[in-house]
N, C-alpha and C. Protein backbone atom coordinates (compact mmCIF):
# COMPACT_ATOMS: atom_id res chain seq x y z
N MET A 1 0.85 -1.17 0.00
CA MET A 1 0.00 0.00 0.00
C MET A 1 0.90 1.24 0.00
N ASN A 2 0.88 2.00 -1.07
CA ASN A 2 1.72 3.18 -1.21
C ASN A 2 0.92 4.42 -0.85
N ARG A 3 1.18 4.97 0.31
CA ARG A 3 0.43 6.13 0.78
C ARG A 3 1.15 7.41 0.41
N GLN A 4 0.38 8.46 0.22
CA GLN A 4 0.94 9.76 -0.08
C GLN A 4 1.71 10.27 1.14
N PRO A 5 2.79 11.02 0.89
CA PRO A 5 3.50 11.61 2.03
C PRO A 5 2.66 12.69 2.70
N TYR A 6 3.03 13.01 3.90
CA TYR A 6 2.36 14.07 4.63
C TYR A 6 2.75 15.42 4.03
N THR A 7 1.95 16.44 4.34
CA THR A 7 2.22 17.80 3.90
C THR A 7 2.62 18.63 5.10
N LEU A 8 3.63 19.47 4.94
CA LEU A 8 4.08 20.34 6.01
C LEU A 8 3.32 21.66 5.93
N GLU A 9 2.68 22.02 7.03
CA GLU A 9 1.98 23.31 7.08
C GLU A 9 3.01 24.44 7.08
N PRO A 10 2.60 25.65 6.68
CA PRO A 10 3.55 26.78 6.72
C PRO A 10 4.15 26.93 8.11
N LEU A 11 5.43 27.24 8.15
CA LEU A 11 6.14 27.34 9.43
C LEU A 11 5.74 28.61 10.17
N PRO A 12 5.59 28.52 11.49
CA PRO A 12 5.35 29.73 12.29
C PRO A 12 6.56 30.67 12.19
N ARG A 13 6.33 31.94 12.36
CA ARG A 13 7.40 32.94 12.24
C ARG A 13 8.56 32.66 13.19
N LYS A 14 8.25 32.24 14.42
CA LYS A 14 9.33 31.94 15.38
C LYS A 14 10.23 30.82 14.88
N VAL A 15 9.64 29.83 14.24
CA VAL A 15 10.42 28.71 13.70
C VAL A 15 11.30 29.21 12.55
N GLU A 16 10.71 29.99 11.65
CA GLU A 16 11.49 30.54 10.53
C GLU A 16 12.66 31.37 11.03
N ASN A 17 12.42 32.22 12.02
CA ASN A 17 13.49 33.07 12.56
C ASN A 17 14.59 32.24 13.22
N PHE A 18 14.22 31.19 13.93
CA PHE A 18 15.22 30.32 14.55
C PHE A 18 16.11 29.70 13.48
N ILE A 19 15.51 29.22 12.41
CA ILE A 19 16.28 28.57 11.35
C ILE A 19 17.20 29.58 10.67
N LYS A 20 16.72 30.78 10.41
CA LYS A 20 17.52 31.80 9.74
C LYS A 20 18.76 32.18 10.54
N ARG A 21 18.69 32.08 11.86
CA ARG A 21 19.82 32.46 12.72
C ARG A 21 20.90 31.37 12.80
N ARG A 22 20.67 30.22 12.21
CA ARG A 22 21.63 29.12 12.25
C ARG A 22 22.57 29.19 11.04
N ASP A 23 23.71 28.52 11.15
CA ASP A 23 24.63 28.46 10.01
C ASP A 23 24.03 27.56 8.92
N ARG A 24 24.59 27.65 7.73
CA ARG A 24 24.03 26.94 6.58
C ARG A 24 23.98 25.43 6.79
N ALA A 25 25.01 24.85 7.39
CA ALA A 25 25.03 23.40 7.62
C ALA A 25 23.88 22.98 8.54
N THR A 26 23.63 23.75 9.57
CA THR A 26 22.54 23.44 10.50
C THR A 26 21.19 23.63 9.81
N GLN A 27 21.07 24.66 9.00
CA GLN A 27 19.83 24.87 8.24
C GLN A 27 19.54 23.67 7.34
N GLU A 28 20.57 23.16 6.70
CA GLU A 28 20.39 21.99 5.83
C GLU A 28 19.98 20.76 6.63
N ARG A 29 20.56 20.58 7.81
CA ARG A 29 20.17 19.45 8.66
C ARG A 29 18.71 19.56 9.10
N ILE A 30 18.28 20.78 9.43
CA ILE A 30 16.88 21.00 9.84
C ILE A 30 15.95 20.73 8.66
N ASN A 31 16.29 21.25 7.49
CA ASN A 31 15.44 21.03 6.31
C ASN A 31 15.39 19.55 5.93
N SER A 32 16.49 18.83 6.10
CA SER A 32 16.49 17.39 5.84
C SER A 32 15.58 16.66 6.82
N ALA A 33 15.59 17.11 8.07
CA ALA A 33 14.71 16.49 9.07
C ALA A 33 13.24 16.74 8.73
N PHE A 34 12.93 17.96 8.28
CA PHE A 34 11.55 18.26 7.87
C PHE A 34 11.14 17.35 6.71
N ALA A 35 12.02 17.17 5.75
CA ALA A 35 11.73 16.30 4.61
C ALA A 35 11.55 14.84 5.07
N TYR A 36 12.34 14.42 6.04
CA TYR A 36 12.27 13.05 6.53
C TYR A 36 10.90 12.77 7.17
N ILE A 37 10.43 13.69 8.01
CA ILE A 37 9.17 13.41 8.72
C ILE A 37 7.96 13.44 7.79
N LEU A 38 8.09 14.03 6.61
CA LEU A 38 6.97 13.99 5.67
C LEU A 38 6.69 12.57 5.19
N HIS A 39 7.71 11.72 5.18
CA HIS A 39 7.55 10.34 4.74
C HIS A 39 7.46 9.35 5.91
N SER A 40 8.05 9.72 7.03
CA SER A 40 8.05 8.82 8.19
C SER A 40 7.99 9.64 9.48
N PRO A 41 6.81 10.15 9.84
CA PRO A 41 6.73 11.02 11.02
C PRO A 41 6.78 10.30 12.37
N PHE A 42 6.66 8.99 12.37
CA PHE A 42 6.56 8.27 13.64
C PHE A 42 7.79 7.44 13.98
N ARG A 43 8.68 7.17 13.02
CA ARG A 43 9.81 6.29 13.24
C ARG A 43 11.05 6.79 12.52
N HIS A 44 12.18 6.51 13.12
CA HIS A 44 13.47 6.83 12.52
C HIS A 44 14.37 5.63 12.75
N GLU A 45 15.34 5.42 11.86
CA GLU A 45 16.23 4.27 12.07
C GLU A 45 17.01 4.37 13.37
N ASN A 46 17.26 5.60 13.84
CA ASN A 46 17.86 5.82 15.15
C ASN A 46 16.71 6.04 16.14
N PRO A 47 16.47 5.13 17.05
CA PRO A 47 15.29 5.24 17.92
C PRO A 47 15.28 6.44 18.87
N THR A 48 16.40 7.13 19.03
CA THR A 48 16.40 8.29 19.92
C THR A 48 16.08 9.59 19.17
N THR A 49 15.91 9.53 17.86
CA THR A 49 15.67 10.74 17.08
C THR A 49 14.23 11.22 17.19
N ILE A 50 13.27 10.32 17.03
CA ILE A 50 11.84 10.68 17.12
C ILE A 50 11.25 9.99 18.33
N LYS A 51 10.59 10.79 19.18
CA LYS A 51 9.92 10.23 20.34
C LYS A 51 8.57 10.90 20.51
N PRO A 52 7.55 10.13 20.88
CA PRO A 52 6.25 10.75 21.15
C PRO A 52 6.30 11.49 22.49
N LEU A 53 5.56 12.58 22.59
CA LEU A 53 5.44 13.31 23.85
C LEU A 53 4.19 12.80 24.54
N TYR A 54 4.29 12.58 25.83
CA TYR A 54 3.19 12.02 26.58
C TYR A 54 2.48 13.09 27.40
N GLY A 55 1.36 12.72 28.00
CA GLY A 55 0.62 13.66 28.82
C GLY A 55 -0.37 14.44 27.97
N SER A 56 -0.41 15.74 28.18
CA SER A 56 -1.37 16.58 27.45
C SER A 56 -0.89 16.88 26.03
N GLN A 57 0.27 16.37 25.66
CA GLN A 57 0.85 16.63 24.33
C GLN A 57 0.37 15.58 23.32
N ASN A 58 -0.93 15.42 23.18
CA ASN A 58 -1.50 14.39 22.32
C ASN A 58 -1.11 14.62 20.86
N ASN A 59 -0.71 13.55 20.18
CA ASN A 59 -0.31 13.57 18.77
C ASN A 59 0.90 14.46 18.51
N ARG A 60 1.73 14.68 19.51
CA ARG A 60 2.94 15.49 19.33
C ARG A 60 4.17 14.61 19.47
N TYR A 61 5.17 14.96 18.69
CA TYR A 61 6.41 14.20 18.67
C TYR A 61 7.59 15.16 18.77
N ARG A 62 8.70 14.62 19.23
CA ARG A 62 9.94 15.38 19.35
C ARG A 62 10.95 14.79 18.38
N TYR A 63 11.63 15.67 17.64
CA TYR A 63 12.69 15.25 16.72
C TYR A 63 13.98 15.88 17.19
N ARG A 64 15.04 15.08 17.30
CA ARG A 64 16.33 15.54 17.81
C ARG A 64 17.32 15.69 16.67
N ILE A 65 17.96 16.88 16.61
CA ILE A 65 19.04 17.14 15.66
C ILE A 65 20.19 17.71 16.50
N GLY A 66 21.07 16.87 16.97
CA GLY A 66 22.16 17.35 17.83
C GLY A 66 21.59 17.98 19.09
N ASP A 67 21.90 19.25 19.34
CA ASP A 67 21.38 19.95 20.51
C ASP A 67 20.08 20.70 20.21
N ILE A 68 19.58 20.57 19.01
CA ILE A 68 18.33 21.23 18.62
C ILE A 68 17.19 20.22 18.68
N ARG A 69 16.05 20.68 19.16
CA ARG A 69 14.85 19.84 19.19
C ARG A 69 13.72 20.61 18.51
N PHE A 70 12.88 19.88 17.80
CA PHE A 70 11.65 20.51 17.36
C PHE A 70 10.48 19.60 17.67
N ILE A 71 9.38 20.23 17.98
CA ILE A 71 8.16 19.53 18.35
C ILE A 71 7.18 19.73 17.21
N TYR A 72 6.54 18.63 16.82
CA TYR A 72 5.57 18.72 15.74
C TYR A 72 4.33 17.92 16.07
N ARG A 73 3.23 18.32 15.46
CA ARG A 73 1.94 17.67 15.65
C ARG A 73 1.56 16.99 14.34
N VAL A 74 1.04 15.79 14.43
CA VAL A 74 0.65 15.02 13.26
C VAL A 74 -0.87 14.89 13.21
N ASP A 75 -1.44 15.30 12.08
CA ASP A 75 -2.88 15.12 11.82
C ASP A 75 -2.98 13.97 10.83
N ARG A 76 -3.26 12.79 11.35
CA ARG A 76 -3.29 11.59 10.50
C ARG A 76 -4.43 11.63 9.48
N ASP A 77 -5.57 12.16 9.87
CA ASP A 77 -6.73 12.18 8.98
C ASP A 77 -6.47 13.03 7.73
N ASN A 78 -5.91 14.21 7.91
CA ASN A 78 -5.66 15.13 6.79
C ASN A 78 -4.24 15.01 6.25
N ARG A 79 -3.43 14.15 6.88
CA ARG A 79 -2.02 13.92 6.49
C ARG A 79 -1.23 15.23 6.48
N LEU A 80 -1.35 15.95 7.59
CA LEU A 80 -0.65 17.22 7.77
C LEU A 80 0.30 17.15 8.94
N ILE A 81 1.40 17.88 8.84
CA ILE A 81 2.35 18.01 9.95
C ILE A 81 2.53 19.49 10.22
N ARG A 82 2.40 19.85 11.48
CA ARG A 82 2.61 21.24 11.90
C ARG A 82 3.80 21.28 12.84
N ILE A 83 4.81 22.06 12.49
CA ILE A 83 5.94 22.27 13.38
C ILE A 83 5.47 23.27 14.43
N VAL A 84 5.44 22.85 15.68
CA VAL A 84 4.91 23.67 16.76
C VAL A 84 5.99 24.58 17.33
N GLN A 85 7.19 24.03 17.52
CA GLN A 85 8.24 24.78 18.20
C GLN A 85 9.59 24.19 17.83
N ILE A 86 10.61 25.04 17.79
CA ILE A 86 11.98 24.59 17.60
C ILE A 86 12.88 25.44 18.48
N ASP A 87 13.84 24.80 19.14
CA ASP A 87 14.75 25.55 20.00
C ASP A 87 15.90 24.63 20.41
N ASN A 88 16.82 25.20 21.17
CA ASN A 88 17.91 24.41 21.72
C ASN A 88 17.36 23.46 22.78
N ARG A 89 18.08 22.41 23.02
CA ARG A 89 17.63 21.35 23.92
C ARG A 89 17.16 21.84 25.27
N GLY A 90 17.90 22.72 25.92
CA GLY A 90 17.54 23.16 27.26
C GLY A 90 16.41 24.15 27.32
N ASP A 91 16.04 24.74 26.17
CA ASP A 91 15.04 25.80 26.16
C ASP A 91 13.68 25.38 25.64
N ILE A 92 13.57 24.21 25.09
CA ILE A 92 12.31 23.85 24.43
C ILE A 92 11.28 23.24 25.37
N TYR A 93 11.71 22.61 26.46
CA TYR A 93 10.74 21.91 27.31
C TYR A 93 10.24 22.78 28.43
């Protein structure tokens, strides 16, 4: 069964600004991660990269890129992904 990839909703301004302040290599790593979750939002070959958030964070996941984390919400019915927040590891939670 070949399913269509998910669609990424437009990024919030805070997320865009965070990405713009990073060096080009980090920007490319972030963009690669965004592309990855469009095809596989729930699993990664490295099990510490994607983790579900528990508690009141229903349908939210955390993606790890070095010291950067981003939180995203998955709408399975409409096949949409919304990046909720991105920040350094110590500042996002």
